[in-house]
Protein backbone atom coordinates (compact mmCIF):
# COMPACT_ATOMS: atom_id res chain seq x y z
CA MET A 1 -24.26 -37.27 81.25
CA GLN A 2 -22.01 -38.51 78.44
CA ASN A 3 -20.73 -41.92 77.55
CA ARG A 4 -20.00 -43.74 74.22
CA VAL A 5 -23.76 -44.44 73.43
CA CYS A 6 -24.56 -40.96 73.83
CA GLU A 7 -21.59 -39.61 71.83
CA LEU A 8 -22.26 -42.27 68.98
CA LEU A 9 -25.94 -41.37 68.61
CA ASN A 10 -25.74 -37.67 69.68
CA ILE A 11 -28.19 -38.02 72.37
CA ARG A 12 -28.54 -36.66 75.90
CA TYR A 13 -29.55 -39.97 77.72
CA PRO A 14 -28.39 -43.45 76.83
CA VAL A 15 -32.09 -44.71 76.67
CA ILE A 16 -33.13 -46.49 73.26
CA GLU A 17 -36.66 -47.37 72.08
CA GLY A 18 -37.05 -50.96 70.74
CA GLY A 19 -38.36 -51.69 67.36
CA LEU A 20 -41.84 -52.74 68.67
CA ALA A 21 -43.55 -54.83 65.92
CA TYR A 22 -46.79 -52.97 64.51
CA VAL A 23 -46.55 -50.21 67.10
CA GLY A 24 -43.29 -48.38 66.73
CA ASN A 25 -44.73 -45.53 65.01
CA GLY A 26 -43.26 -42.17 64.12
CA ALA A 27 -44.93 -39.99 66.71
CA LEU A 28 -43.60 -42.41 69.45
CA ALA A 29 -39.89 -42.36 68.00
CA ALA A 30 -40.06 -38.48 67.94
CA ALA A 31 -41.42 -38.30 71.65
CA VAL A 32 -38.53 -40.73 72.90
CA SER A 33 -35.89 -38.43 71.15
CA ASN A 34 -37.41 -35.33 72.31
CA GLY A 35 -36.89 -36.63 75.83
CA GLY A 36 -33.44 -37.08 75.35
CA GLY A 37 -33.34 -40.68 74.42
CA PHE A 38 -33.34 -42.32 70.92
CA GLY A 39 -36.42 -43.39 69.36
CA GLN A 40 -36.96 -45.82 66.58
CA VAL A 41 -39.25 -46.49 64.00
CA GLY A 42 -40.09 -50.21 63.35
CA VAL A 43 -40.29 -51.80 59.90
CA ALA A 44 -42.25 -54.79 61.43
CA GLY A 45 -45.80 -54.96 60.42
CA ARG A 46 -45.59 -52.11 57.99
CA SER A 47 -45.65 -51.97 54.15
CA VAL A 48 -42.70 -49.88 52.67
CA ASP A 49 -44.98 -46.80 52.10
CA ASN A 50 -46.29 -46.79 55.61
CA PHE A 51 -42.56 -47.28 56.89
CA LYS A 52 -41.53 -43.97 55.14
CA GLU A 53 -44.48 -42.23 56.09
CA GLU A 54 -43.82 -42.81 59.87
CA VAL A 55 -40.05 -41.79 59.46
CA HIS A 56 -41.45 -38.55 57.83
CA ILE A 57 -43.80 -38.12 60.87
CA ALA A 58 -40.77 -38.61 63.13
CA ALA A 59 -38.64 -36.20 61.32
CA GLU A 60 -41.36 -33.45 61.12
CA SER A 61 -42.02 -33.95 65.05
CA THR A 62 -38.58 -33.61 66.34
CA ASP A 63 -35.13 -31.99 65.61
CA LYS A 64 -33.36 -34.74 67.67
CA PRO A 65 -31.57 -37.89 66.11
CA PHE A 66 -33.83 -41.18 65.80
CA GLY A 67 -33.32 -44.42 63.96
CA VAL A 68 -34.97 -47.35 62.53
CA ASN A 69 -35.24 -51.05 63.50
CA LEU A 70 -35.09 -53.70 60.84
CA PRO A 71 -35.77 -57.19 61.74
CA LEU A 72 -34.62 -59.30 59.00
CA SER A 73 -37.03 -62.10 59.43
CA GLU A 74 -39.98 -60.03 59.37
CA HIS A 75 -40.54 -59.53 55.43
CA SER A 76 -39.71 -62.02 52.51
CA ASP A 77 -38.38 -59.30 50.35
CA ILE A 78 -36.21 -57.54 52.91
CA THR A 79 -34.23 -55.79 49.86
CA ARG A 80 -37.30 -53.20 49.45
CA TYR A 81 -36.99 -52.24 53.14
CA VAL A 82 -33.45 -51.68 52.90
CA GLU A 83 -33.78 -49.54 49.71
CA ALA A 84 -36.47 -47.55 51.78
CA ILE A 85 -33.98 -47.16 54.59
CA LEU A 86 -31.52 -45.81 52.36
CA GLU A 87 -34.05 -43.45 50.79
CA VAL A 88 -34.74 -41.92 54.24
CA LYS A 89 -31.11 -42.00 55.34
CA ASP A 90 -30.79 -38.18 55.58
CA SER A 91 -33.69 -38.22 58.21
CA ILE A 92 -32.25 -40.81 60.34
CA LYS A 93 -28.98 -41.47 62.55
CA ALA A 94 -28.98 -45.31 62.96
CA VAL A 95 -30.25 -48.56 62.00
CA SER A 96 -30.75 -51.52 64.48
CA ILE A 97 -30.71 -54.97 62.75
CA SER A 98 -32.30 -57.97 64.45
CA ALA A 99 -33.46 -61.46 63.65
CA GLY A 100 -31.06 -62.54 60.92
CA ASN A 101 -27.63 -62.22 59.50
CA PRO A 102 -26.56 -58.62 59.20
CA LYS A 103 -23.32 -59.39 57.27
CA PRO A 104 -24.32 -58.04 53.77
CA LEU A 105 -25.97 -54.86 55.19
CA VAL A 106 -23.46 -53.62 57.69
CA PRO A 107 -21.09 -52.11 54.99
CA LEU A 108 -23.96 -50.88 53.04
CA PHE A 109 -25.58 -48.84 55.93
CA LYS A 110 -22.16 -47.70 57.10
CA GLN A 111 -21.31 -46.33 53.77
CA ALA A 112 -24.42 -44.40 53.61
CA GLY A 113 -23.30 -42.50 56.92
CA LEU A 114 -25.62 -44.41 59.38
CA LYS A 115 -24.63 -46.00 62.69
CA VAL A 116 -25.37 -49.57 62.66
CA MET A 117 -26.63 -51.36 66.09
CA ILE A 118 -26.83 -55.29 66.02
CA MET A 119 -28.89 -57.13 68.45
CA THR A 120 -27.27 -60.13 69.94
CA ALA A 121 -28.07 -62.73 72.92
CA SER A 122 -24.71 -64.69 73.18
CA ILE A 123 -20.81 -64.02 73.26
CA LYS A 124 -20.38 -65.74 70.03
CA HIS A 125 -22.90 -63.37 68.32
CA SER A 126 -21.61 -60.43 69.88
CA LEU A 127 -17.99 -60.95 68.88
CA LYS A 128 -19.31 -61.58 65.35
CA ALA A 129 -21.38 -58.43 65.36
CA GLN A 130 -18.15 -56.55 66.60
CA GLU A 131 -16.08 -58.13 63.85
CA LEU A 132 -18.80 -56.96 61.22
CA GLY A 133 -18.34 -53.38 62.45
CA ALA A 134 -21.34 -52.70 64.61
CA ASP A 135 -20.99 -49.45 66.33
CA LEU A 136 -23.18 -50.51 69.14
CA ILE A 137 -24.39 -54.04 70.28
CA VAL A 138 -27.89 -54.44 71.90
CA CYS A 139 -27.53 -57.50 74.20
CA GLU A 140 -30.91 -58.76 75.07
CA GLY A 141 -32.20 -61.29 77.60
CA PHE A 142 -35.21 -63.61 76.91
CA GLU A 143 -37.12 -61.69 79.52
CA ALA A 144 -37.77 -59.16 76.56
CA GLY A 145 -40.98 -59.12 74.82
CA GLY A 146 -41.50 -60.36 71.34
CA HIS A 147 -39.14 -62.79 69.68
CA ASN A 148 -36.09 -63.71 71.29
CA SER A 149 -33.07 -66.13 71.16
CA PRO A 150 -33.82 -69.80 71.63
CA LEU A 151 -30.81 -69.95 73.91
CA GLU A 152 -33.26 -68.47 76.73
CA MET A 153 -30.46 -66.54 78.63
CA THR A 154 -31.58 -63.97 81.09
CA LEU A 155 -30.01 -60.61 80.90
CA PHE A 156 -28.59 -60.84 84.17
CA THR A 157 -26.72 -63.78 83.01
CA ILE A 158 -25.43 -62.96 79.56
CA LEU A 159 -24.98 -59.33 79.81
CA PRO A 160 -21.88 -59.13 82.13
CA GLN A 161 -20.12 -61.79 79.89
CA VAL A 162 -20.77 -59.72 76.78
CA THR A 163 -19.66 -56.61 78.16
CA ARG A 164 -16.44 -58.27 79.23
CA ALA A 165 -15.98 -59.83 75.63
CA VAL A 166 -16.36 -56.91 73.57
CA THR A 167 -14.92 -53.46 73.07
CA VAL A 168 -17.67 -51.56 71.44
CA PRO A 169 -20.38 -50.13 73.54
CA VAL A 170 -23.09 -52.54 74.88
CA VAL A 171 -26.89 -51.55 75.43
CA ALA A 172 -28.80 -53.73 77.66
CA ALA A 173 -32.46 -55.00 76.65
CA GLY A 174 -34.94 -57.18 78.60
CA ALA A 175 -37.70 -56.48 80.94
CA ILE A 176 -36.14 -52.95 81.99
CA SER A 177 -39.06 -50.70 82.92
CA ASN A 178 -37.83 -48.40 85.71
CA GLY A 179 -34.79 -46.77 87.00
CA GLN A 180 -33.84 -49.83 89.03
CA GLY A 181 -33.43 -51.60 85.79
CA VAL A 182 -31.31 -48.96 84.31
CA ALA A 183 -29.05 -48.64 87.22
CA ALA A 184 -28.64 -52.53 87.37
CA ALA A 185 -27.88 -52.72 83.81
CA PHE A 186 -25.14 -50.13 84.15
CA ALA A 187 -23.93 -52.20 87.14
CA LEU A 188 -23.60 -55.14 84.89
CA GLY A 189 -21.36 -53.21 82.26
CA ALA A 190 -23.80 -51.71 80.11
CA GLU A 191 -23.52 -48.21 78.78
CA GLY A 192 -27.12 -47.69 77.63
CA VAL A 193 -30.60 -49.59 77.86
CA GLN A 194 -33.29 -50.46 75.54
CA LEU A 195 -36.96 -50.49 76.46
CA GLY A 196 -39.80 -52.03 74.58
CA THR A 197 -42.96 -52.70 76.64
CA ARG A 198 -42.36 -49.53 78.75
CA PHE A 199 -42.64 -47.41 75.53
CA VAL A 200 -45.79 -49.27 74.48
CA ALA A 201 -47.54 -47.80 77.60
CA THR A 202 -47.09 -44.17 76.38
CA LYS A 203 -49.57 -41.58 75.10
CA GLU A 204 -47.83 -41.22 71.69
CA CYS A 205 -47.57 -45.12 71.01
CA GLN A 206 -50.25 -46.33 68.29
CA ALA A 207 -50.98 -49.40 70.42
CA HIS A 208 -54.76 -49.78 71.02
CA ASP A 209 -55.87 -48.36 74.44
CA ASN A 210 -57.10 -52.07 75.41
CA TYR A 211 -53.58 -53.50 74.99
CA LYS A 212 -52.12 -50.63 77.21
CA GLN A 213 -54.73 -51.13 79.88
CA MET A 214 -53.69 -54.81 79.92
CA LEU A 215 -50.26 -53.82 80.34
CA LEU A 216 -51.18 -51.64 83.39
CA ALA A 217 -53.18 -54.30 84.80
CA ALA A 218 -50.35 -57.06 84.54
CA LYS A 219 -48.55 -58.55 87.34
CA ASP A 220 -45.32 -60.47 87.63
CA ASP A 221 -46.53 -63.65 86.08
CA ALA A 222 -48.26 -61.84 83.13
CA THR A 223 -46.24 -63.47 80.08
CA VAL A 224 -46.14 -66.75 78.34
CA VAL A 225 -43.56 -67.87 75.88
CA LEU A 226 -44.98 -69.23 72.50
CA GLU A 227 -43.34 -70.97 69.35
CA ARG A 228 -41.01 -73.23 71.41
CA SER A 229 -42.46 -76.18 69.67
CA MET A 230 -40.57 -74.77 66.54
CA GLY A 231 -37.48 -73.99 68.08
CA ARG A 232 -38.20 -70.16 68.54
CA VAL A 233 -38.99 -67.93 71.44
CA LEU A 234 -41.82 -65.31 71.61
CA ARG A 235 -42.82 -63.77 74.66
CA VAL A 236 -46.24 -62.36 74.79
CA LEU A 237 -48.91 -60.93 77.16
CA LYS A 238 -50.93 -64.01 78.66
CA ASN A 239 -54.53 -64.09 77.51
CA PRO A 240 -56.98 -66.99 76.51
CA PHE A 241 -55.43 -66.54 72.90
CA ALA A 242 -51.90 -67.00 73.93
CA GLU A 243 -52.76 -69.85 76.48
CA LYS A 244 -54.60 -71.79 73.75
CA ILE A 245 -51.40 -71.61 71.46
CA VAL A 246 -49.23 -72.98 74.66
CA GLU A 247 -51.64 -75.89 74.83
CA PHE A 248 -51.81 -76.54 71.18
CA GLU A 249 -48.00 -76.50 71.03
CA LYS A 250 -48.04 -79.39 73.70
CA SER A 251 -49.21 -81.56 70.86
CA ASN A 252 -46.06 -80.98 68.74
CA PRO A 253 -47.91 -79.59 65.74
CA THR A 254 -46.31 -78.91 62.50
CA VAL A 255 -45.41 -75.44 61.30
CA GLU A 256 -48.33 -75.39 58.93
CA GLU A 257 -50.57 -76.28 61.65
CA LEU A 258 -49.24 -73.54 64.00
CA LEU A 259 -48.94 -70.83 61.56
CA PRO A 260 -52.74 -69.58 61.59
CA TYR A 261 -52.26 -68.96 65.46
CA ILE A 262 -48.85 -67.24 65.34
CA ARG A 263 -48.87 -65.07 62.09
CA GLY A 264 -48.36 -61.44 62.42
CA THR A 265 -52.16 -60.47 61.61
CA ASN A 266 -53.01 -62.11 64.85
CA ASN A 267 -50.62 -59.57 66.63
CA ARG A 268 -52.23 -56.55 64.83
CA VAL A 269 -55.72 -57.69 65.57
CA ALA A 270 -54.95 -57.51 69.29
CA ALA A 271 -52.25 -54.71 69.46
CA ILE A 272 -53.74 -52.25 66.87
CA GLU A 273 -57.40 -53.01 66.61
CA GLY A 274 -57.85 -53.72 70.15
CA ARG A 275 -59.47 -57.10 69.77
CA VAL A 276 -57.42 -58.56 72.74
CA GLU A 277 -59.19 -61.68 73.05
CA GLU A 278 -58.60 -62.47 69.38
CA GLY A 279 -54.85 -62.40 69.13
CA TRP A 280 -51.56 -62.07 71.04
CA MET A 281 -49.47 -59.01 72.18
CA ASN A 282 -45.84 -58.62 72.73
CA CYS A 283 -44.94 -58.18 76.22
CA GLY A 284 -41.65 -58.39 78.50
CA GLN A 285 -41.46 -59.76 82.24
CA GLY A 286 -40.98 -56.10 83.44
CA VAL A 287 -44.58 -55.30 82.51
CA GLY A 288 -45.35 -55.69 86.43
CA MET A 289 -43.37 -52.49 87.01
CA ILE A 290 -45.58 -50.41 84.83
CA ASN A 291 -48.13 -48.41 86.42
CA SER A 292 -49.10 -45.50 84.30
CA ILE A 293 -49.61 -44.26 80.81
CA GLU A 294 -47.33 -41.36 80.25
CA SER A 295 -45.62 -39.37 77.45
CA ALA A 296 -42.63 -41.26 76.25
CA THR A 297 -40.82 -37.89 76.68
CA ASP A 298 -41.34 -38.07 80.29
CA VAL A 299 -40.61 -41.52 80.63
CA VAL A 300 -37.16 -41.12 79.35
CA LYS A 301 -36.63 -38.21 81.69
CA ASN A 302 -38.06 -40.21 84.79
CA LEU A 303 -36.10 -43.37 84.05
CA MET A 304 -32.83 -41.31 84.27
CA GLN A 305 -33.90 -39.58 87.57
CA GLU A 306 -34.95 -42.93 89.13
CA ALA A 307 -31.68 -44.31 88.14
CA GLN A 308 -29.75 -41.52 89.59
CA ASP A 309 -31.84 -41.80 92.85
CA VAL A 310 -30.97 -45.53 93.00
CA ILE A 311 -27.33 -45.04 92.49
CA ALA A 312 -27.47 -42.38 95.26
CA SER A 313 -29.24 -44.84 97.67
CA LEU A 314 -26.55 -47.39 97.03
CA GLN A 315 -23.95 -44.85 98.10
CA ARG A 316 -25.61 -45.01 101.51
CA ILE A 317 -25.01 -48.68 102.09
CA ASN A 318 -21.26 -48.36 100.92
CA PRO A 319 -19.99 -49.13 104.55
CA LEU A 320 -21.27 -52.64 104.16
CA PHE A 321 -18.57 -53.18 101.50
CA GLN A 322 -15.76 -51.82 103.36
CA PRO A 323 -13.11 -54.20 104.37
C-alpha cells in the first residue's frame, strides 16, 4: 500500500514505533523496520554514547529506513543530543520531536536532509508544527503511555479535528494495539499510526521480561495517571509504587517532594532491571488488547493484516448505510 506517510519515509506500511523511554533500543527499531514499518531509537534515558551505539546497532541490523525520537524535556543539555543526531544523520531517515518547542531544531534537521515529525495534541500545536515545516504530525491522545498533553484529549476526540485542520500527513498515536485501532485511526483521517506499548511487548525490546509479563496480564483498567499535581500527565502501568504516588499527590506536594518518586531512575529500575514493585513503567490504555510476546517484525505485518480484515468486515455491513 502507498500513502503519503509511506512515501515520505520510504516504508511499506505506515506503522511507526514510538520513542519508548529507556526501552527504545536499536534491535527493536531494526525489527520494526524489517517488518515494513518505521522503527525509532529513543534518546530518552540514554547517554549520548549509548544513543549512538543503539543507532549503530539498528543500522547494522536493517537496510530499511529508521529514525530517532528526541523528547526535548528529557535532558538538561539537549544540544549534545542534537549534535549526536547530526553525527549519525547518514544512518537515519527522520527525527521525531516531542515534549518541547521544536522551532529552532526543525530547520537544522531539515538542512541535514532529515524528515521531521512533530508530536502534537491540539489543533493549535498541529497548525504551529505545520507552519514550522513538519513533514509529518503525530497526533497523540492522552490514552497513550508515558508523558502526554495536560489537555487530556482522547485520540477519538482530537484526531479528526487535527486531520481537518492541517494539510500535512497525520499519524495517530494513543492506545493503538491491534488492527481495529489501525482501521479506526484511518477512518478518523490518519494516514499512519504510531504504537508504543505494543512494541514493548516484543522479543527485540530491551524491556525486562517482568515488565512484559505485566503487560500481558494487564486488563482494561491497568493504567493510572501521575504528575497531575504539577500540571503534567504521565500514564503508567498500575502497581503499588504508582498507586502510592497517586495517593501522595492528593496532598498537593511540592515538586521537590514529588521528584524522588517520579524521576527517571525509578522508571529504569522497573522497566530495565525488572524490579517492578520498586518503580513505574510507561503503559497506554490499549494494553488490555496485548496477548502475546512476538517479534516486532511480525507485529507490524499482523497489524496490517488485521486492519485489512476489519475493513473487509465493514464492507459487509455497508447495506446498513444505504439510504
